[in-house]
Amino acid sequence: MAYKLKTALGKAIYGARKCTVEPVIGIIKEGPLYLCARFQKSLQGRGVKMNDRAIAGEFVTETFDYDGGRQVTVYVPPDPPEAVVFAGDGQSISQWGRFLEAADVPPTMIVGGHGLTNENLRLQEYSPVFDAERFAAHEKFFVEDVRQWTESRFGVALPTERTAVFGASAGGELALALGLRHPDVYGAIFCASPGAGYKPTEVMPSRIPRTYLVAGTQEPFFLENATRWAAALRDADADVVMKERTGSHGGAFWRKEFPLMVVWAFGRE
């Protein structure tokens, strides 16, 4: 499928698919999981307010069988998506769609797999160095199941060069690990303030996605981690951007940088 669905027919098909419940293997089907009519009624016209910013797009949340029931929240832009970003900690990252709407970026879908509240288990899922078996199970869920569901549910099958993976903190380790392990899936890695569990290997992969790193000047530990990754990726002849911003860990600079990452990878609208 071409990533630009600009025709009237293409837009109509895209709009219809957003509100069509499709049977997908591995999905828990209890209750009305897709409340598109309610989303559209509340979002169109008056808009939904989040931090005093109206949202033109929609949010769709689905629950998968994985790990006893794991949710994925998708920000669906108002126009057919020309890019897609898969993200960890999706319960919060998906909400950043409002910042994309306010920026001069192509319509970009955010597909966010929810992260665990238990930090130890979250680290085991997000970094390959703590629990290889748990990481591998989450990797399959994230890279295969969620991506295939996104293609089936929304009719969005974008090429690698229009697909990115994003994460912050431990999620930054996830983005780096999945991007380096699956360069055929993710054409760009967006990484904010990565942790230090997953570190560059002595021998880097031969194919590396374009990578955008950012860290704050008031979080020296995470700034050091990001700088280490930037140096290793540059030594491997990768296309790398490394930004230092004023801010501490978890600060507003993460979400402010997100639209800049999208512009860097996918251009302007």
Protein backbone atom coordinates (compact mmCIF):
# COMPACT_ATOMS: atom_id res chain seq x y z
CA MET A 1 0.00 0.00 0.00
CA ALA A 2 1.31 3.39 -0.91
CA TYR A 3 1.92 5.49 2.15
CA LYS A 4 0.09 8.49 0.73
CA LEU A 5 -3.65 7.91 0.46
CA LYS A 6 -4.50 11.32 -0.92
CA THR A 7 -7.39 10.40 -3.20
CA ALA A 8 -10.98 10.74 -2.06
CA LEU A 9 -11.42 6.98 -2.37
CA GLY A 10 -8.29 6.32 -0.38
CA LYS A 11 -9.43 8.62 2.41
CA ALA A 12 -12.85 6.99 2.47
CA ILE A 13 -11.34 3.51 2.74
CA TYR A 14 -8.98 4.65 5.48
CA GLY A 15 -11.79 6.28 7.43
CA ALA A 16 -13.97 3.20 7.15
CA ARG A 17 -11.19 0.88 8.34
CA LYS A 18 -10.68 2.96 11.46
CA CYS A 19 -14.25 2.15 12.52
CA THR A 20 -14.42 -1.49 11.43
CA VAL A 21 -13.94 -4.21 14.02
CA GLU A 22 -11.80 -6.95 12.48
CA PRO A 23 -11.10 -10.37 14.00
CA VAL A 24 -7.42 -10.57 14.85
CA ILE A 25 -5.70 -13.62 16.30
CA GLY A 26 -4.35 -12.96 19.78
CA ILE A 27 -6.81 -10.23 20.72
CA ILE A 28 -9.08 -10.37 23.74
CA LYS A 29 -12.56 -9.73 22.36
CA GLU A 30 -14.49 -9.02 25.56
CA GLY A 31 -16.65 -5.94 25.34
CA PRO A 32 -16.77 -3.13 22.78
CA LEU A 33 -13.04 -2.60 22.30
CA TYR A 34 -13.40 -0.14 19.46
CA LEU A 35 -15.63 2.75 20.35
CA CYS A 36 -14.96 4.66 17.17
CA ALA A 37 -18.39 6.24 17.04
CA ARG A 38 -17.93 7.67 20.51
CA PHE A 39 -14.39 8.81 19.65
CA GLN A 40 -15.60 10.56 16.51
CA LYS A 41 -18.53 12.20 18.23
CA SER A 42 -16.36 13.55 21.02
CA LEU A 43 -13.38 14.46 18.88
CA GLN A 44 -15.02 16.01 15.87
CA GLY A 45 -16.39 19.51 16.05
CA ARG A 46 -15.64 20.52 19.61
CA GLY A 47 -12.48 18.38 19.97
CA VAL A 48 -11.07 16.65 23.01
CA LYS A 49 -9.06 18.82 25.35
CA MET A 50 -5.73 17.58 26.67
CA ASN A 51 -3.59 20.16 28.39
CA ASP A 52 -5.75 22.86 26.72
CA ARG A 53 -4.88 21.60 23.24
CA ALA A 54 -7.68 20.22 21.06
CA ILE A 55 -7.06 16.85 19.45
CA ALA A 56 -8.20 16.37 15.87
CA GLY A 57 -7.09 12.75 15.73
CA GLU A 58 -8.35 9.74 17.65
CA PHE A 59 -7.12 7.34 20.30
CA VAL A 60 -7.85 3.63 20.01
CA THR A 61 -6.89 1.17 22.74
CA GLU A 62 -6.85 -2.59 22.29
CA THR A 63 -6.04 -5.39 24.73
CA PHE A 64 -3.91 -8.30 23.55
CA ASP A 65 -3.55 -11.76 25.06
CA TYR A 66 0.18 -11.20 25.62
CA ASP A 67 1.32 -11.52 29.25
CA GLY A 68 -2.21 -11.99 30.56
CA GLY A 69 -3.60 -8.91 28.85
CA ARG A 70 -1.42 -6.09 27.50
CA GLN A 71 -2.87 -2.91 26.09
CA VAL A 72 -1.76 -0.97 23.03
CA THR A 73 -2.91 2.60 22.48
CA VAL A 74 -2.79 4.13 19.02
CA TYR A 75 -2.90 7.80 18.12
CA VAL A 76 -4.65 7.93 14.74
CA PRO A 77 -3.99 11.23 12.91
CA PRO A 78 -6.93 13.00 11.25
CA ASP A 79 -5.43 12.45 7.78
CA PRO A 80 -4.14 9.15 6.33
CA PRO A 81 -0.77 8.48 7.98
CA GLU A 82 2.38 8.95 5.96
CA ALA A 83 4.61 7.67 8.76
CA VAL A 84 4.27 5.48 11.83
CA VAL A 85 6.19 5.44 15.11
CA PHE A 86 6.06 2.36 17.33
CA ALA A 87 6.80 3.17 20.96
CA GLY A 88 7.22 1.60 24.34
CA ASP A 89 5.38 3.06 27.36
CA GLY A 90 2.50 3.70 25.00
CA GLN A 91 0.07 4.74 27.71
CA SER A 92 1.89 8.08 27.77
CA ILE A 93 3.76 8.33 24.46
CA SER A 94 0.63 7.85 22.35
CA GLN A 95 -0.76 11.04 23.88
CA TRP A 96 2.03 13.02 22.23
CA GLY A 97 0.00 13.02 19.05
CA ARG A 98 -1.23 16.45 20.04
CA PHE A 99 2.32 17.78 19.72
CA LEU A 100 2.58 16.34 16.24
CA GLU A 101 -0.68 18.01 15.25
CA ALA A 102 0.72 21.36 16.36
CA ALA A 103 3.95 20.86 14.38
CA ASP A 104 4.74 20.98 10.68
CA VAL A 105 5.07 17.22 10.25
CA PRO A 106 3.47 14.63 7.96
CA PRO A 107 0.43 12.83 9.42
CA THR A 108 2.08 10.33 11.75
CA MET A 109 0.49 7.43 13.60
CA ILE A 110 1.84 6.51 17.06
CA VAL A 111 1.42 2.87 18.07
CA GLY A 112 2.25 2.55 21.76
CA GLY A 113 2.61 -0.73 23.58
CA HIS A 114 1.89 -0.09 27.26
CA GLY A 115 4.77 -0.50 29.68
CA LEU A 116 4.61 -2.28 33.02
CA THR A 117 4.40 -0.35 36.27
CA ASN A 118 6.73 -2.84 37.94
CA GLU A 119 10.10 -1.32 37.07
CA ASN A 120 12.06 -4.57 37.35
CA LEU A 121 9.74 -6.37 34.94
CA ARG A 122 9.71 -3.35 32.65
CA LEU A 123 13.50 -3.42 32.46
CA GLN A 124 13.44 -7.14 31.69
CA GLU A 125 11.12 -6.50 28.75
CA TYR A 126 12.91 -3.42 27.46
CA SER A 127 16.58 -4.37 27.77
CA PRO A 128 18.00 -7.64 26.39
CA VAL A 129 20.67 -7.94 29.09
CA PHE A 130 18.53 -8.73 32.16
CA ASP A 131 16.20 -11.58 31.16
CA ALA A 132 16.75 -12.85 27.63
CA GLU A 133 13.62 -15.01 27.60
CA ARG A 134 11.28 -12.26 28.77
CA PHE A 135 12.86 -9.75 26.39
CA ALA A 136 12.44 -12.16 23.47
CA ALA A 137 8.76 -12.72 24.29
CA HIS A 138 8.10 -8.97 24.43
CA GLU A 139 10.17 -8.46 21.27
CA LYS A 140 7.94 -10.87 19.35
CA PHE A 141 4.82 -9.19 20.70
CA PHE A 142 6.06 -5.71 19.83
CA VAL A 143 7.72 -6.36 16.47
CA GLU A 144 5.41 -9.02 15.05
CA ASP A 145 2.01 -9.08 16.76
CA VAL A 146 1.49 -5.35 17.25
CA ARG A 147 2.78 -4.47 13.79
CA GLN A 148 0.63 -7.09 12.06
CA TRP A 149 -2.42 -5.92 14.02
CA THR A 150 -1.71 -2.32 13.03
CA GLU A 151 -1.61 -3.28 9.36
CA SER A 152 -4.83 -5.30 9.62
CA ARG A 153 -6.78 -2.96 11.91
CA PHE A 154 -5.96 0.36 10.24
CA GLY A 155 -4.86 -0.65 6.74
CA VAL A 156 -1.48 0.94 7.39
CA ALA A 157 1.48 -0.92 5.92
CA LEU A 158 4.25 1.61 5.53
CA PRO A 159 7.72 0.94 4.11
CA THR A 160 10.74 0.72 6.39
CA GLU A 161 11.87 4.25 5.55
CA ARG A 162 8.54 5.58 6.90
CA THR A 163 8.63 3.54 10.12
CA ALA A 164 10.43 4.43 13.36
CA VAL A 165 10.74 3.04 16.88
CA PHE A 166 10.81 5.39 19.88
CA GLY A 167 11.57 5.07 23.55
CA ALA A 168 12.71 7.11 26.54
CA SER A 169 14.82 6.01 29.52
CA ALA A 170 14.51 2.20 29.66
CA GLY A 171 12.28 2.58 26.63
CA GLY A 172 15.26 4.15 24.91
CA GLU A 173 17.12 0.89 25.40
CA LEU A 174 14.15 -0.90 23.84
CA ALA A 175 14.20 1.42 20.82
CA LEU A 176 17.92 0.90 20.30
CA ALA A 177 17.74 -2.86 20.75
CA LEU A 178 14.78 -3.37 18.44
CA GLY A 179 16.05 -0.92 15.85
CA LEU A 180 19.44 -2.59 15.65
CA ARG A 181 17.95 -6.09 15.65
CA HIS A 182 15.28 -5.29 13.06
CA PRO A 183 16.62 -2.76 10.54
CA ASP A 184 14.30 -4.30 7.93
CA VAL A 185 11.31 -3.12 10.02
CA TYR A 186 12.44 0.20 11.49
CA GLY A 187 14.15 2.76 9.28
CA ALA A 188 14.78 5.15 12.16
CA ILE A 189 15.47 4.96 15.89
CA PHE A 190 14.29 7.77 18.18
CA CYS A 191 15.94 7.50 21.58
CA ALA A 192 15.64 9.85 24.56
CA SER A 193 17.85 9.54 27.64
CA PRO A 194 18.65 5.81 27.38
CA GLY A 195 19.52 3.71 30.40
CA ALA A 196 22.84 1.92 30.73
CA GLY A 197 21.75 -1.72 30.81
CA TYR A 198 21.99 -2.19 27.06
CA LYS A 199 25.27 -0.84 25.74
CA PRO A 200 26.97 -0.75 22.33
CA THR A 201 28.66 -3.98 21.37
CA GLU A 202 32.24 -4.17 20.19
CA VAL A 203 31.06 -5.29 16.76
CA MET A 204 28.04 -3.32 15.55
CA PRO A 205 25.53 -4.61 12.98
CA SER A 206 26.38 -4.01 9.33
CA ARG A 207 23.01 -2.35 8.72
CA ILE A 208 21.95 0.35 11.17
CA PRO A 209 18.83 2.52 11.02
CA ARG A 210 19.20 6.28 11.12
CA THR A 211 19.32 7.26 14.78
CA TYR A 212 18.28 10.42 16.65
CA LEU A 213 19.42 10.64 20.29
CA VAL A 214 18.63 13.31 22.86
CA ALA A 215 19.46 13.75 26.55
CA GLY A 216 19.32 16.52 29.11
CA THR A 217 22.15 18.54 30.57
CA GLN A 218 20.71 17.99 34.07
CA GLU A 219 20.77 14.18 33.82
CA PRO A 220 24.52 13.44 33.46
CA PHE A 221 24.14 9.65 33.78
CA PHE A 222 21.70 9.46 30.87
CA LEU A 223 23.55 12.09 28.86
CA GLU A 224 26.67 9.94 29.14
CA ASN A 225 24.73 6.90 27.94
CA ALA A 226 23.34 8.75 24.94
CA THR A 227 26.75 10.18 24.08
CA ARG A 228 28.30 6.70 24.27
CA TRP A 229 25.71 5.38 21.83
CA ALA A 230 26.17 8.32 19.47
CA ALA A 231 29.93 7.77 19.35
CA ALA A 232 29.60 4.01 18.78
CA LEU A 233 27.04 4.47 16.02
CA ARG A 234 29.15 7.12 14.30
CA ASP A 235 32.16 4.81 14.47
CA ALA A 236 29.99 2.26 12.63
CA ASP A 237 29.29 4.87 9.92
CA ALA A 238 25.64 5.26 10.89
CA ASP A 239 23.59 8.39 10.26
CA VAL A 240 23.35 9.85 13.77
CA VAL A 241 22.00 13.00 15.39
CA MET A 242 22.86 13.71 19.04
CA LYS A 243 21.17 16.61 20.84
CA GLU A 244 21.79 17.99 24.31
CA ARG A 245 18.85 19.91 25.77
CA THR A 246 18.35 21.77 29.01
CA GLY A 247 16.36 19.49 31.27
CA SER A 248 16.32 16.64 33.77
CA HIS A 249 15.20 13.03 33.44
CA GLY A 250 11.58 12.80 32.38
CA GLY A 251 11.48 16.50 31.63
CA ALA A 252 9.37 18.32 29.07
CA PHE A 253 12.25 18.29 26.59
CA TRP A 254 11.38 14.68 25.68
CA ARG A 255 7.98 15.50 24.24
CA LYS A 256 9.23 18.77 22.75
CA GLU A 257 11.94 16.85 20.90
CA PHE A 258 9.53 14.25 19.54
CA PRO A 259 8.18 16.36 16.64
CA LEU A 260 11.77 17.32 15.74
CA MET A 261 12.62 13.64 15.51
CA VAL A 262 9.65 13.05 13.21
CA VAL A 263 10.63 15.98 10.97
CA TRP A 264 14.22 14.76 10.82
CA ALA A 265 13.18 11.25 9.77
CA PHE A 266 10.14 11.91 7.61
CA GLY A 267 10.38 15.54 6.46
CA ARG A 268 7.82 18.30 6.73
CA GLU A 269 4.22 18.16 5.66
